[in-house]
Amino acid sequence: MGKTTKKKGLSLQSDIERLMFACGDVSNPLPETAAALESILVEYIVDISHQAALIAHTSGRSKIKVDDIQFALRKDPIKLGRLNELIALQKDILKAKKAFDDKFGTANAANKKVSFK
């Protein structure tokens, strides 16, 4: 699976190395270790995506919804809980962005140049 990501120029290896260090590994882990973890991660994401696509297809849809991914993760309460936590966090971030836009005006939000003078 790692070969597929490398063909497209997408590599998670540096991110995985940083995550490994954050979880207590050495600052420069072996590239083979990071590559193996990347392969496992990509394989897992592809597998969950295929499950979600199958669920969407069974429901008569051609596009995957978040509900399909939640359904695919239903047997793993830890991962499902984390997914739900991330969804709630995304909603909070969108609310905060909207509140910021309302407070400082949409012109500043569109230009993404905000002055705090």
PDB file of N, CA and C in Angstrom:
ATOM      1  N   MET A   1       0.818  -1.204   0.000  1.00  0.00           N
ATOM      2  CA  MET A   1       0.000   0.000   0.000  1.00  0.00           C
ATOM      3  C   MET A   1       0.861   1.268   0.000  1.00  0.00           C
ATOM      4  N   GLY A   2       2.013   1.235   0.672  1.00  0.00           N
ATOM      5  CA  GLY A   2       2.869   2.403   0.716  1.00  0.00           C
ATOM      6  C   GLY A   2       3.346   2.818  -0.655  1.00  0.00           C
ATOM      7  N   LYS A   3       3.457   1.828  -1.563  1.00  0.00           N
ATOM      8  CA  LYS A   3       3.894   2.131  -2.923  1.00  0.00           C
ATOM      9  C   LYS A   3       2.889   3.029  -3.626  1.00  0.00           C
ATOM     10  N   THR A   4       1.605   2.828  -3.350  1.00  0.00           N
ATOM     11  CA  THR A   4       0.568   3.647  -3.971  1.00  0.00           C
ATOM     12  C   THR A   4       0.709   5.100  -3.565  1.00  0.00           C
ATOM     13  N   THR A   5       0.970   5.331  -2.278  1.00  0.00           N
ATOM     14  CA  THR A   5       1.081   6.705  -1.808  1.00  0.00           C
ATOM     15  C   THR A   5       2.338   7.362  -2.355  1.00  0.00           C
ATOM     16  N   LYS A   6       3.402   6.600  -2.512  1.00  0.00           N
ATOM     17  CA  LYS A   6       4.641   7.177  -3.019  1.00  0.00           C
ATOM     18  C   LYS A   6       4.534   7.511  -4.499  1.00  0.00           C
ATOM     19  N   LYS A   7       3.745   6.732  -5.255  1.00  0.00           N
ATOM     20  CA  LYS A   7       3.552   7.038  -6.665  1.00  0.00           C
ATOM     21  C   LYS A   7       2.906   8.402  -6.839  1.00  0.00           C
ATOM     22  N   LYS A   8       1.965   8.712  -5.978  1.00  0.00           N
ATOM     23  CA  LYS A   8       1.234   9.968  -6.077  1.00  0.00           C
ATOM     24  C   LYS A   8       1.970  11.106  -5.371  1.00  0.00           C
ATOM     25  N   GLY A   9       3.098  10.815  -4.758  1.00  0.00           N
ATOM     26  CA  GLY A   9       3.862  11.844  -4.081  1.00  0.00           C
ATOM     27  C   GLY A   9       3.336  12.144  -2.682  1.00  0.00           C
ATOM     28  N   LEU A  10       2.416  11.329  -2.185  1.00  0.00           N
ATOM     29  CA  LEU A  10       1.874  11.526  -0.853  1.00  0.00           C
ATOM     30  C   LEU A  10       2.613  10.625   0.113  1.00  0.00           C
ATOM     31  N   SER A  11       3.262  11.214   1.089  1.00  0.00           N
ATOM     32  CA  SER A  11       3.959  10.423   2.076  1.00  0.00           C
ATOM     33  C   SER A  11       3.630  10.948   3.460  1.00  0.00           C
ATOM     34  N   LEU A  12       3.257  10.047   4.312  1.00  0.00           N
ATOM     35  CA  LEU A  12       2.944  10.404   5.690  1.00  0.00           C
ATOM     36  C   LEU A  12       4.120  10.111   6.606  1.00  0.00           C
ATOM     37  N   GLN A  13       5.217   9.702   6.035  1.00  0.00           N
ATOM     38  CA  GLN A  13       6.342   9.213   6.822  1.00  0.00           C
ATOM     39  C   GLN A  13       6.865  10.256   7.808  1.00  0.00           C
ATOM     40  N   SER A  14       7.024  11.501   7.398  1.00  0.00           N
ATOM     41  CA  SER A  14       7.550  12.510   8.323  1.00  0.00           C
ATOM     42  C   SER A  14       6.552  12.790   9.445  1.00  0.00           C
ATOM     43  N   ASP A  15       5.254  12.782   9.122  1.00  0.00           N
ATOM     44  CA  ASP A  15       4.237  12.972  10.161  1.00  0.00           C
ATOM     45  C   ASP A  15       4.239  11.800  11.137  1.00  0.00           C
ATOM     46  N   ILE A  16       4.385  10.602  10.606  1.00  0.00           N
ATOM     47  CA  ILE A  16       4.417   9.416  11.456  1.00  0.00           C
ATOM     48  C   ILE A  16       5.642   9.449  12.358  1.00  0.00           C
ATOM     49  N   GLU A  17       6.779   9.872  11.834  1.00  0.00           N
ATOM     50  CA  GLU A  17       7.990   9.980  12.657  1.00  0.00           C
ATOM     51  C   GLU A  17       7.784  10.956  13.800  1.00  0.00           C
ATOM     52  N   ARG A  18       7.128  12.080  13.532  1.00  0.00           N
ATOM     53  CA  ARG A  18       6.858  13.058  14.595  1.00  0.00           C
ATOM     54  C   ARG A  18       5.887  12.496  15.626  1.00  0.00           C
ATOM     55  N   LEU A  19       4.864  11.767  15.152  1.00  0.00           N
ATOM     56  CA  LEU A  19       3.927  11.139  16.080  1.00  0.00           C
ATOM     57  C   LEU A  19       4.619  10.081  16.924  1.00  0.00           C
ATOM     58  N   MET A  20       5.511   9.332  16.319  1.00  0.00           N
ATOM     59  CA  MET A  20       6.258   8.323  17.074  1.00  0.00           C
ATOM     60  C   MET A  20       7.081   8.991  18.168  1.00  0.00           C
ATOM     61  N   PHE A  21       7.731  10.093  17.840  1.00  0.00           N
ATOM     62  CA  PHE A  21       8.528  10.825  18.830  1.00  0.00           C
ATOM     63  C   PHE A  21       7.631  11.380  19.936  1.00  0.00           C
ATOM     64  N   ALA A  22       6.463  11.892  19.555  1.00  0.00           N
ATOM     65  CA  ALA A  22       5.530  12.443  20.544  1.00  0.00           C
ATOM     66  C   ALA A  22       5.010  11.362  21.487  1.00  0.00           C
ATOM     67  N   CYS A  23       4.983  10.127  21.007  1.00  0.00           N
ATOM     68  CA  CYS A  23       4.504   9.004  21.829  1.00  0.00           C
ATOM     69  C   CYS A  23       5.637   8.305  22.575  1.00  0.00           C
ATOM     70  N   GLY A  24       6.838   8.877  22.531  1.00  0.00           N
ATOM     71  CA  GLY A  24       7.931   8.348  23.345  1.00  0.00           C
ATOM     72  C   GLY A  24       9.028   7.629  22.606  1.00  0.00           C
ATOM     73  N   ASP A  25       8.983   7.594  21.284  1.00  0.00           N
ATOM     74  CA  ASP A  25      10.046   6.948  20.520  1.00  0.00           C
ATOM     75  C   ASP A  25      11.239   7.906  20.422  1.00  0.00           C
ATOM     76  N   VAL A  26      12.304   7.442  19.827  1.00  0.00           N
ATOM     77  CA  VAL A  26      13.486   8.285  19.634  1.00  0.00           C
ATOM     78  C   VAL A  26      13.161   9.403  18.647  1.00  0.00           C
ATOM     79  N   SER A  27      13.972  10.461  18.654  1.00  0.00           N
ATOM     80  CA  SER A  27      13.670  11.614  17.792  1.00  0.00           C
ATOM     81  C   SER A  27      13.801  11.294  16.310  1.00  0.00           C
ATOM     82  N   ASN A  28      14.676  10.379  15.952  1.00  0.00           N
ATOM     83  CA  ASN A  28      14.835   9.967  14.553  1.00  0.00           C
ATOM     84  C   ASN A  28      14.656   8.452  14.454  1.00  0.00           C
ATOM     85  N   PRO A  29      13.407   7.989  14.354  1.00  0.00           N
ATOM     86  CA  PRO A  29      13.191   6.539  14.255  1.00  0.00           C
ATOM     87  C   PRO A  29      13.689   6.000  12.917  1.00  0.00           C
ATOM     88  N   LEU A  30      13.850   4.696  12.866  1.00  0.00           N
ATOM     89  CA  LEU A  30      14.290   4.076  11.618  1.00  0.00           C
ATOM     90  C   LEU A  30      13.276   4.334  10.514  1.00  0.00           C
ATOM     91  N   PRO A  31      13.743   4.699   9.329  1.00  0.00           N
ATOM     92  CA  PRO A  31      12.825   4.941   8.213  1.00  0.00           C
ATOM     93  C   PRO A  31      11.971   3.712   7.887  1.00  0.00           C
ATOM     94  N   GLU A  32      12.544   2.521   8.076  1.00  0.00           N
ATOM     95  CA  GLU A  32      11.796   1.297   7.805  1.00  0.00           C
ATOM     96  C   GLU A  32      10.592   1.159   8.745  1.00  0.00           C
ATOM     97  N   THR A  33      10.778   1.575   9.997  1.00  0.00           N
ATOM     98  CA  THR A  33       9.688   1.502  10.971  1.00  0.00           C
ATOM     99  C   THR A  33       8.568   2.453  10.589  1.00  0.00           C
ATOM    100  N   ALA A  34       8.932   3.683  10.250  1.00  0.00           N
ATOM    101  CA  ALA A  34       7.927   4.664   9.843  1.00  0.00           C
ATOM    102  C   ALA A  34       7.234   4.215   8.556  1.00  0.00           C
ATOM    103  N   ALA A  35       7.984   3.637   7.641  1.00  0.00           N
ATOM    104  CA  ALA A  35       7.392   3.155   6.387  1.00  0.00           C
ATOM    105  C   ALA A  35       6.420   2.007   6.651  1.00  0.00           C
ATOM    106  N   ALA A  36       6.770   1.129   7.581  1.00  0.00           N
ATOM    107  CA  ALA A  36       5.872   0.017   7.922  1.00  0.00           C
ATOM    108  C   ALA A  36       4.585   0.543   8.548  1.00  0.00           C
ATOM    109  N   LEU A  37       4.713   1.508   9.456  1.00  0.00           N
ATOM    110  CA  LEU A  37       3.523   2.104  10.066  1.00  0.00           C
ATOM    111  C   LEU A  37       2.675   2.829   9.027  1.00  0.00           C
ATOM    112  N   GLU A  38       3.332   3.512   8.086  1.00  0.00           N
ATOM    113  CA  GLU A  38       2.597   4.184   7.025  1.00  0.00           C
ATOM    114  C   GLU A  38       1.810   3.177   6.191  1.00  0.00           C
ATOM    115  N   SER A  39       2.419   2.060   5.880  1.00  0.00           N
ATOM    116  CA  SER A  39       1.754   1.022   5.103  1.00  0.00           C
ATOM    117  C   SER A  39       0.527   0.487   5.837  1.00  0.00           C
ATOM    118  N   ILE A  40       0.676   0.247   7.133  1.00  0.00           N
ATOM    119  CA  ILE A  40      -0.449  -0.237   7.945  1.00  0.00           C
ATOM    120  C   ILE A  40      -1.556   0.799   7.991  1.00  0.00           C
ATOM    121  N   LEU A  41      -1.182   2.057   8.191  1.00  0.00           N
ATOM    122  CA  LEU A  41      -2.160   3.138   8.277  1.00  0.00           C
ATOM    123  C   LEU A  41      -2.935   3.310   6.971  1.00  0.00           C
ATOM    124  N   VAL A  42      -2.227   3.321   5.871  1.00  0.00           N
ATOM    125  CA  VAL A  42      -2.878   3.487   4.566  1.00  0.00           C
ATOM    126  C   VAL A  42      -3.806   2.311   4.288  1.00  0.00           C
ATOM    127  N   GLU A  43      -3.344   1.108   4.609  1.00  0.00           N
ATOM    128  CA  GLU A  43      -4.176  -0.079   4.407  1.00  0.00           C
ATOM    129  C   GLU A  43      -5.452   0.012   5.242  1.00  0.00           C
ATOM    130  N   TYR A  44      -5.332   0.478   6.487  1.00  0.00           N
ATOM    131  CA  TYR A  44      -6.494   0.607   7.362  1.00  0.00           C
ATOM    132  C   TYR A  44      -7.482   1.652   6.826  1.00  0.00           C
ATOM    133  N   ILE A  45      -6.973   2.784   6.403  1.00  0.00           N
ATOM    134  CA  ILE A  45      -7.840   3.846   5.880  1.00  0.00           C
ATOM    135  C   ILE A  45      -8.553   3.376   4.610  1.00  0.00           C
ATOM    136  N   VAL A  46      -7.838   2.691   3.736  1.00  0.00           N
ATOM    137  CA  VAL A  46      -8.451   2.169   2.518  1.00  0.00           C
ATOM    138  C   VAL A  46      -9.526   1.147   2.868  1.00  0.00           C
ATOM    139  N   ASP A  47      -9.252   0.282   3.846  1.00  0.00           N
ATOM    140  CA  ASP A  47     -10.220  -0.731   4.250  1.00  0.00           C
ATOM    141  C   ASP A  47     -11.491  -0.089   4.804  1.00  0.00           C
ATOM    142  N   ILE A  48     -11.349   0.884   5.692  1.00  0.00           N
ATOM    143  CA  ILE A  48     -12.520   1.573   6.251  1.00  0.00           C
ATOM    144  C   ILE A  48     -13.272   2.321   5.154  1.00  0.00           C
ATOM    145  N   SER A  49     -12.538   2.918   4.230  1.00  0.00           N
ATOM    146  CA  SER A  49     -13.178   3.636   3.121  1.00  0.00           C
ATOM    147  C   SER A  49     -13.972   2.683   2.241  1.00  0.00           C
ATOM    148  N   HIS A  50     -13.424   1.493   1.983  1.00  0.00           N
ATOM    149  CA  HIS A  50     -14.153   0.501   1.184  1.00  0.00           C
ATOM    150  C   HIS A  50     -15.409   0.032   1.910  1.00  0.00           C
ATOM    151  N   GLN A  51     -15.290  -0.177   3.221  1.00  0.00           N
ATOM    152  CA  GLN A  51     -16.465  -0.574   3.996  1.00  0.00           C
ATOM    153  C   GLN A  51     -17.542   0.518   3.931  1.00  0.00           C
ATOM    154  N   ALA A  52     -17.121   1.765   4.090  1.00  0.00           N
ATOM    155  CA  ALA A  52     -18.068   2.882   4.038  1.00  0.00           C
ATOM    156  C   ALA A  52     -18.693   3.003   2.649  1.00  0.00           C
ATOM    157  N   ALA A  53     -17.906   2.776   1.599  1.00  0.00           N
ATOM    158  CA  ALA A  53     -18.440   2.835   0.237  1.00  0.00           C
ATOM    159  C   ALA A  53     -19.464   1.726   0.013  1.00  0.00           C
ATOM    160  N   LEU A  54     -19.188   0.556   0.553  1.00  0.00           N
ATOM    161  CA  LEU A  54     -20.137  -0.545   0.442  1.00  0.00           C
ATOM    162  C   LEU A  54     -21.440  -0.227   1.176  1.00  0.00           C
ATOM    163  N   ILE A  55     -21.319   0.372   2.338  1.00  0.00           N
ATOM    164  CA  ILE A  55     -22.501   0.772   3.109  1.00  0.00           C
ATOM    165  C   ILE A  55     -23.298   1.818   2.338  1.00  0.00           C
ATOM    166  N   ALA A  56     -22.600   2.793   1.745  1.00  0.00           N
ATOM    167  CA  ALA A  56     -23.280   3.823   0.961  1.00  0.00           C
ATOM    168  C   ALA A  56     -23.970   3.193  -0.251  1.00  0.00           C
ATOM    169  N   HIS A  57     -23.285   2.281  -0.905  1.00  0.00           N
ATOM    170  CA  HIS A  57     -23.854   1.613  -2.081  1.00  0.00           C
ATOM    171  C   HIS A  57     -25.101   0.812  -1.694  1.00  0.00           C
ATOM    172  N   THR A  58     -25.038   0.129  -0.562  1.00  0.00           N
ATOM    173  CA  THR A  58     -26.181  -0.644  -0.072  1.00  0.00           C
ATOM    174  C   THR A  58     -27.371   0.273   0.223  1.00  0.00           C
ATOM    175  N   SER A  59     -27.059   1.507   0.628  1.00  0.00           N
ATOM    176  CA  SER A  59     -28.113   2.488   0.910  1.00  0.00           C
ATOM    177  C   SER A  59     -28.589   3.204  -0.347  1.00  0.00           C
ATOM    178  N   GLY A  60     -28.003   2.880  -1.496  1.00  0.00           N
ATOM    179  CA  GLY A  60     -28.423   3.480  -2.753  1.00  0.00           C
ATOM    180  C   GLY A  60     -27.761   4.806  -3.056  1.00  0.00           C
ATOM    181  N   ARG A  61     -26.622   5.075  -2.421  1.00  0.00           N
ATOM    182  CA  ARG A  61     -25.900   6.315  -2.668  1.00  0.00           C
ATOM    183  C   ARG A  61     -24.559   6.029  -3.312  1.00  0.00           C
ATOM    184  N   SER A  62     -24.076   6.986  -4.084  1.00  0.00           N
ATOM    185  CA  SER A  62     -22.767   6.811  -4.712  1.00  0.00           C
ATOM    186  C   SER A  62     -21.666   7.528  -3.937  1.00  0.00           C
ATOM    187  N   LYS A  63     -22.043   8.362  -2.987  1.00  0.00           N
ATOM    188  CA  LYS A  63     -21.061   9.108  -2.195  1.00  0.00           C
ATOM    189  C   LYS A  63     -21.117   8.649  -0.741  1.00  0.00           C
ATOM    190  N   ILE A  64     -19.955   8.679  -0.115  1.00  0.00           N
ATOM    191  CA  ILE A  64     -19.842   8.292   1.282  1.00  0.00           C
ATOM    192  C   ILE A  64     -20.223   9.479   2.162  1.00  0.00           C
ATOM    193  N   LYS A  65     -20.991   9.192   3.207  1.00  0.00           N
ATOM    194  CA  LYS A  65     -21.315  10.192   4.217  1.00  0.00           C
ATOM    195  C   LYS A  65     -20.599   9.825   5.515  1.00  0.00           C
ATOM    196  N   VAL A  66     -20.544  10.772   6.418  1.00  0.00           N
ATOM    197  CA  VAL A  66     -19.925  10.525   7.718  1.00  0.00           C
ATOM    198  C   VAL A  66     -20.643   9.379   8.430  1.00  0.00           C
ATOM    199  N   ASP A  67     -21.951   9.307   8.264  1.00  0.00           N
ATOM    200  CA  ASP A  67     -22.728   8.229   8.889  1.00  0.00           C
ATOM    201  C   ASP A  67     -22.243   6.853   8.428  1.00  0.00           C
ATOM    202  N   ASP A  68     -21.801   6.748   7.177  1.00  0.00           N
ATOM    203  CA  ASP A  68     -21.302   5.477   6.667  1.00  0.00           C
ATOM    204  C   ASP A  68     -20.010   5.075   7.379  1.00  0.00           C
ATOM    205  N   ILE A  69     -19.152   6.051   7.626  1.00  0.00           N
ATOM    206  CA  ILE A  69     -17.903   5.773   8.341  1.00  0.00           C
ATOM    207  C   ILE A  69     -18.208   5.413   9.793  1.00  0.00           C
ATOM    208  N   GLN A  70     -19.164   6.125  10.394  1.00  0.00           N
ATOM    209  CA  GLN A  70     -19.561   5.794  11.762  1.00  0.00           C
ATOM    210  C   GLN A  70     -20.116   4.376  11.828  1.00  0.00           C
ATOM    211  N   PHE A  71     -20.898   4.000  10.848  1.00  0.00           N
ATOM    212  CA  PHE A  71     -21.452   2.647  10.818  1.00  0.00           C
ATOM    213  C   PHE A  71     -20.342   1.610  10.645  1.00  0.00           C
ATOM    214  N   ALA A  72     -19.359   1.919   9.815  1.00  0.00           N
ATOM    215  CA  ALA A  72     -18.247   0.995   9.598  1.00  0.00           C
ATOM    216  C   ALA A  72     -17.423   0.813  10.878  1.00  0.00           C
ATOM    217  N   LEU A  73     -17.385   1.830  11.721  1.00  0.00           N
ATOM    218  CA  LEU A  73     -16.609   1.771  12.966  1.00  0.00           C
ATOM    219  C   LEU A  73     -17.450   1.353  14.170  1.00  0.00           C
ATOM    220  N   ARG A  74     -18.689   0.957  13.963  1.00  0.00           N
ATOM    221  CA  ARG A  74     -19.615   0.697  15.064  1.00  0.00           C
ATOM    222  C   ARG A  74     -19.145  -0.394  16.020  1.00  0.00           C
ATOM    223  N   LYS A  75     -18.338  -1.325  15.557  1.00  0.00           N
ATOM    224  CA  LYS A  75     -17.875  -2.424  16.405  1.00  0.00           C
ATOM    225  C   LYS A  75     -16.619  -2.074  17.201  1.00  0.00           C
ATOM    226  N   ASP A  76     -16.078  -0.884  16.967  1.00  0.00           N
ATOM    227  CA  ASP A  76     -14.895  -0.431  17.700  1.00  0.00           C
ATOM    228  C   ASP A  76     -15.251   0.848  18.450  1.00  0.00           C
ATOM    229  N   PRO A  77     -15.727   0.731  19.687  1.00  0.00           N
ATOM    230  CA  PRO A  77     -16.226   1.907  20.407  1.00  0.00           C
ATOM    231  C   PRO A  77     -15.169   2.987  20.649  1.00  0.00           C
ATOM    232  N   ILE A  78     -13.912   2.604  20.756  1.00  0.00           N
ATOM    233  CA  ILE A  78     -12.871   3.605  20.989  1.00  0.00           C
ATOM    234  C   ILE A  78     -12.694   4.486  19.751  1.00  0.00           C
ATOM    235  N   LYS A  79     -12.583   3.861  18.587  1.00  0.00           N
ATOM    236  CA  LYS A  79     -12.417   4.631  17.345  1.00  0.00           C
ATOM    237  C   LYS A  79     -13.679   5.418  17.011  1.00  0.00           C
ATOM    238  N   LEU A  80     -14.836   4.810  17.253  1.00  0.00           N
ATOM    239  CA  LEU A  80     -16.098   5.507  17.008  1.00  0.00           C
ATOM    240  C   LEU A  80     -16.218   6.714  17.930  1.00  0.00           C
ATOM    241  N   GLY A  81     -15.849   6.561  19.185  1.00  0.00           N
ATOM    242  CA  GLY A  81     -15.884   7.682  20.120  1.00  0.00           C
ATOM    243  C   GLY A  81     -14.952   8.802  19.701  1.00  0.00           C
ATOM    244  N   ARG A  82     -13.754   8.434  19.241  1.00  0.00           N
ATOM    245  CA  ARG A  82     -12.797   9.447  18.782  1.00  0.00           C
ATOM    246  C   ARG A  82     -13.325  10.169  17.546  1.00  0.00           C
ATOM    247  N   LEU A  83     -13.940   9.420  16.626  1.00  0.00           N
ATOM    248  CA  LEU A  83     -14.531  10.038  15.437  1.00  0.00           C
ATOM    249  C   LEU A  83     -15.616  11.024  15.838  1.00  0.00           C
ATOM    250  N   ASN A  84     -16.482  10.618  16.755  1.00  0.00           N
ATOM    251  CA  ASN A  84     -17.548  11.512  17.206  1.00  0.00           C
ATOM    252  C   ASN A  84     -16.987  12.746  17.914  1.00  0.00           C
ATOM    253  N   GLU A  85     -15.896  12.546  18.647  1.00  0.00           N
ATOM    254  CA  GLU A  85     -15.233  13.675  19.313  1.00  0.00           C
ATOM    255  C   GLU A  85     -14.680  14.660  18.282  1.00  0.00           C
ATOM    256  N   LEU A  86     -14.067  14.147  17.224  1.00  0.00           N
ATOM    257  CA  LEU A  86     -13.522  15.005  16.172  1.00  0.00           C
ATOM    258  C   LEU A  86     -14.628  15.732  15.407  1.00  0.00           C
ATOM    259  N   ILE A  87     -15.763  15.061  15.202  1.00  0.00           N
ATOM    260  CA  ILE A  87     -16.900  15.698  14.528  1.00  0.00           C
ATOM    261  C   ILE A  87     -17.421  16.854  15.388  1.00  0.00           C
ATOM    262  N   ALA A  88     -17.541  16.624  16.697  1.00  0.00           N
ATOM    263  CA  ALA A  88     -17.996  17.682  17.602  1.00  0.00           C
ATOM    264  C   ALA A  88     -17.001  18.843  17.624  1.00  0.00           C
ATOM    265  N   LEU A  89     -15.714  18.524  17.614  1.00  0.00           N
ATOM    266  CA  LEU A  89     -14.683  19.566  17.595  1.00  0.00           C
ATOM    267  C   LEU A  89     -14.766  20.384  16.314  1.00  0.00           C
ATOM    268  N   GLN A  90     -15.012  19.722  15.197  1.00  0.00           N
ATOM    269  CA  GLN A  90     -15.149  20.436  13.922  1.00  0.00           C
ATOM    270  C   GLN A  90     -16.335  21.400  13.977  1.00  0.00           C
ATOM    271  N   LYS A  91     -17.435  20.956  14.576  1.00  0.00           N
ATOM    272  CA  LYS A  91     -18.605  21.831  14.707  1.00  0.00           C
ATOM    273  C   LYS A  91     -18.285  23.029  15.581  1.00  0.00           C
ATOM    274  N   ASP A  92     -17.540  22.811  16.666  1.00  0.00           N
ATOM    275  CA  ASP A  92     -17.148  23.916  17.544  1.00  0.00           C
ATOM    276  C   ASP A  92     -16.256  24.915  16.815  1.00  0.00           C
ATOM    277  N   ILE A  93     -15.348  24.418  16.009  1.00  0.00           N
ATOM    278  CA  ILE A  93     -14.456  25.296  15.245  1.00  0.00           C
ATOM    279  C   ILE A  93     -15.260  26.119  14.245  1.00  0.00           C
ATOM    280  N   LEU A  94     -16.219  25.485  13.569  1.00  0.00           N
ATOM    281  CA  LEU A  94     -17.052  26.224  12.613  1.00  0.00           C
ATOM    282  C   LEU A  94     -17.881  27.297  13.319  1.00  0.00           C
ATOM    283  N   LYS A  95     -18.390  26.988  14.512  1.00  0.00           N
ATOM    284  CA  LYS A  95     -19.133  27.987  15.288  1.00  0.00           C
ATOM    285  C   LYS A  95     -18.230  29.149  15.672  1.00  0.00           C
ATOM    286  N   ALA A  96     -17.019  28.847  16.091  1.00  0.00           N
ATOM    287  CA  ALA A  96     -16.077  29.898  16.483  1.00  0.00           C
ATOM    288  C   ALA A  96     -15.710  30.767  15.286  1.00  0.00           C
ATOM    289  N   LYS A  97     -15.508  30.147  14.119  1.00  0.00           N
ATOM    290  CA  LYS A  97     -15.210  30.920  12.903  1.00  0.00           C
ATOM    291  C   LYS A  97     -16.370  31.833  12.549  1.00  0.00           C
ATOM    292  N   LYS A  98     -17.589  31.301  12.670  1.00  0.00           N
ATOM    293  CA  LYS A  98     -18.766  32.112  12.357  1.00  0.00           C
ATOM    294  C   LYS A  98     -18.885  33.276  13.334  1.00  0.00           C
ATOM    295  N   ALA A  99     -18.652  33.020  14.612  1.00  0.00           N
ATOM    296  CA  ALA A  99     -18.704  34.084  15.618  1.00  0.00           C
ATOM    297  C   ALA A  99     -17.633  35.126  15.334  1.00  0.00           C
ATOM    298  N   PHE A 100     -16.456  34.693  14.927  1.00  0.00           N
ATOM    299  CA  PHE A 100     -15.380  35.620  14.591  1.00  0.00           C
ATOM    300  C   PHE A 100     -15.771  36.465  13.381  1.00  0.00           C
ATOM    301  N   ASP A 101     -16.330  35.815  12.354  1.00  0.00           N
ATOM    302  CA  ASP A 101     -16.759  36.542  11.162  1.00  0.00           C
ATOM    303  C   ASP A 101     -17.839  37.558  11.505  1.00  0.00           C
ATOM    304  N   ASP A 102     -18.773  37.165  12.366  1.00  0.00           N
ATOM    305  CA  ASP A 102     -19.841  38.079  12.768  1.00  0.00           C
ATOM    306  C   ASP A 102     -19.286  39.258  13.543  1.00  0.00           C
ATOM    307  N   LYS A 103     -18.297  39.018  14.389  1.00  0.00           N
ATOM    308  CA  LYS A 103     -17.746  40.078  15.225  1.00  0.00           C
ATOM    309  C   LYS A 103     -16.877  41.051  14.424  1.00  0.00           C
ATOM    310  N   PHE A 104     -16.055  40.521  13.531  1.00  0.00           N
ATOM    311  CA  PHE A 104     -15.110  41.359  12.807  1.00  0.00           C
ATOM    312  C   PHE A 104     -15.524  41.641  11.369  1.00  0.00           C
ATOM    313  N   GLY A 105     -16.660  41.140  10.947  1.00  0.00           N
ATOM    314  CA  GLY A 105     -17.153  41.418   9.596  1.00  0.00           C
ATOM    315  C   GLY A 105     -16.698  40.384   8.596  1.00  0.00           C
ATOM    316  N   THR A 106     -17.538  40.174   7.606  1.00  0.00           N
ATOM    317  CA  THR A 106     -17.225  39.166   6.594  1.00  0.00           C
ATOM    318  C   THR A 106     -16.162  39.640   5.622  1.00  0.00           C
ATOM    319  N   ALA A 107     -15.974  40.940   5.485  1.00  0.00           N
ATOM    320  CA  ALA A 107     -14.940  41.444   4.575  1.00  0.00           C
ATOM    321  C   ALA A 107     -13.573  41.005   5.066  1.00  0.00           C
ATOM    322  N   ASN A 108     -13.359  41.099   6.380  1.00  0.00           N
ATOM    323  CA  ASN A 108     -12.080  40.646   6.924  1.00  0.00           C
ATOM    324  C   ASN A 108     -11.912  39.148   6.764  1.00  0.00           C
ATOM    325  N   ALA A 109     -12.980  38.403   6.930  1.00  0.00           N
ATOM    326  CA  ALA A 109     -12.900  36.949   6.804  1.00  0.00           C
ATOM    327  C   ALA A 109     -12.611  36.553   5.366  1.00  0.00           C
ATOM    328  N   ALA A 110     -13.195  37.273   4.396  1.00  0.00           N
ATOM    329  CA  ALA A 110     -12.970  36.940   2.996  1.00  0.00           C
ATOM    330  C   ALA A 110     -11.526  37.235   2.592  1.00  0.00           C
ATOM    331  N   ASN A 111     -10.983  38.323   3.096  1.00  0.00           N
ATOM    332  CA  ASN A 111      -9.602  38.689   2.764  1.00  0.00           C
ATOM    333  C   ASN A 111      -8.591  37.962   3.633  1.00  0.00           C
ATOM    334  N   LYS A 112      -9.050  37.419   4.755  1.00  0.00           N
ATOM    335  CA  LYS A 112      -8.206  36.733   5.723  1.00  0.00           C
ATOM    336  C   LYS A 112      -7.088  37.649   6.218  1.00  0.00           C
ATOM    337  N   LYS A 113      -7.343  38.934   6.225  1.00  0.00           N
ATOM    338  CA  LYS A 113      -6.413  39.895   6.799  1.00  0.00           C
ATOM    339  C   LYS A 113      -7.154  40.635   7.899  1.00  0.00           C
ATOM    340  N   VAL A 114      -6.816  40.313   9.124  1.00  0.00           N
ATOM    341  CA  VAL A 114      -7.492  40.917  10.247  1.00  0.00           C
ATOM    342  C   VAL A 114      -6.496  41.794  10.986  1.00  0.00           C
ATOM    343  N   SER A 115      -6.889  43.005  11.266  1.00  0.00           N
ATOM    344  CA  SER A 115      -6.042  43.924  12.002  1.00  0.00           C
ATOM    345  C   SER A 115      -6.495  43.974  13.446  1.00  0.00           C
ATOM    346  N   PHE A 116      -5.571  43.800  14.360  1.00  0.00           N
ATOM    347  CA  PHE A 116      -5.890  43.840  15.789  1.00  0.00           C
ATOM    348  C   PHE A 116      -5.277  45.094  16.409  1.00  0.00           C
ATOM    349  N   LYS A 117      -5.605  46.253  15.880  1.00  0.00           N
ATOM    350  CA  LYS A 117      -5.044  47.512  16.408  1.00  0.00           C
ATOM    351  C   LYS A 117      -5.935  48.082  17.469  1.00  0.00           C
TER     352      LYS A 117
END
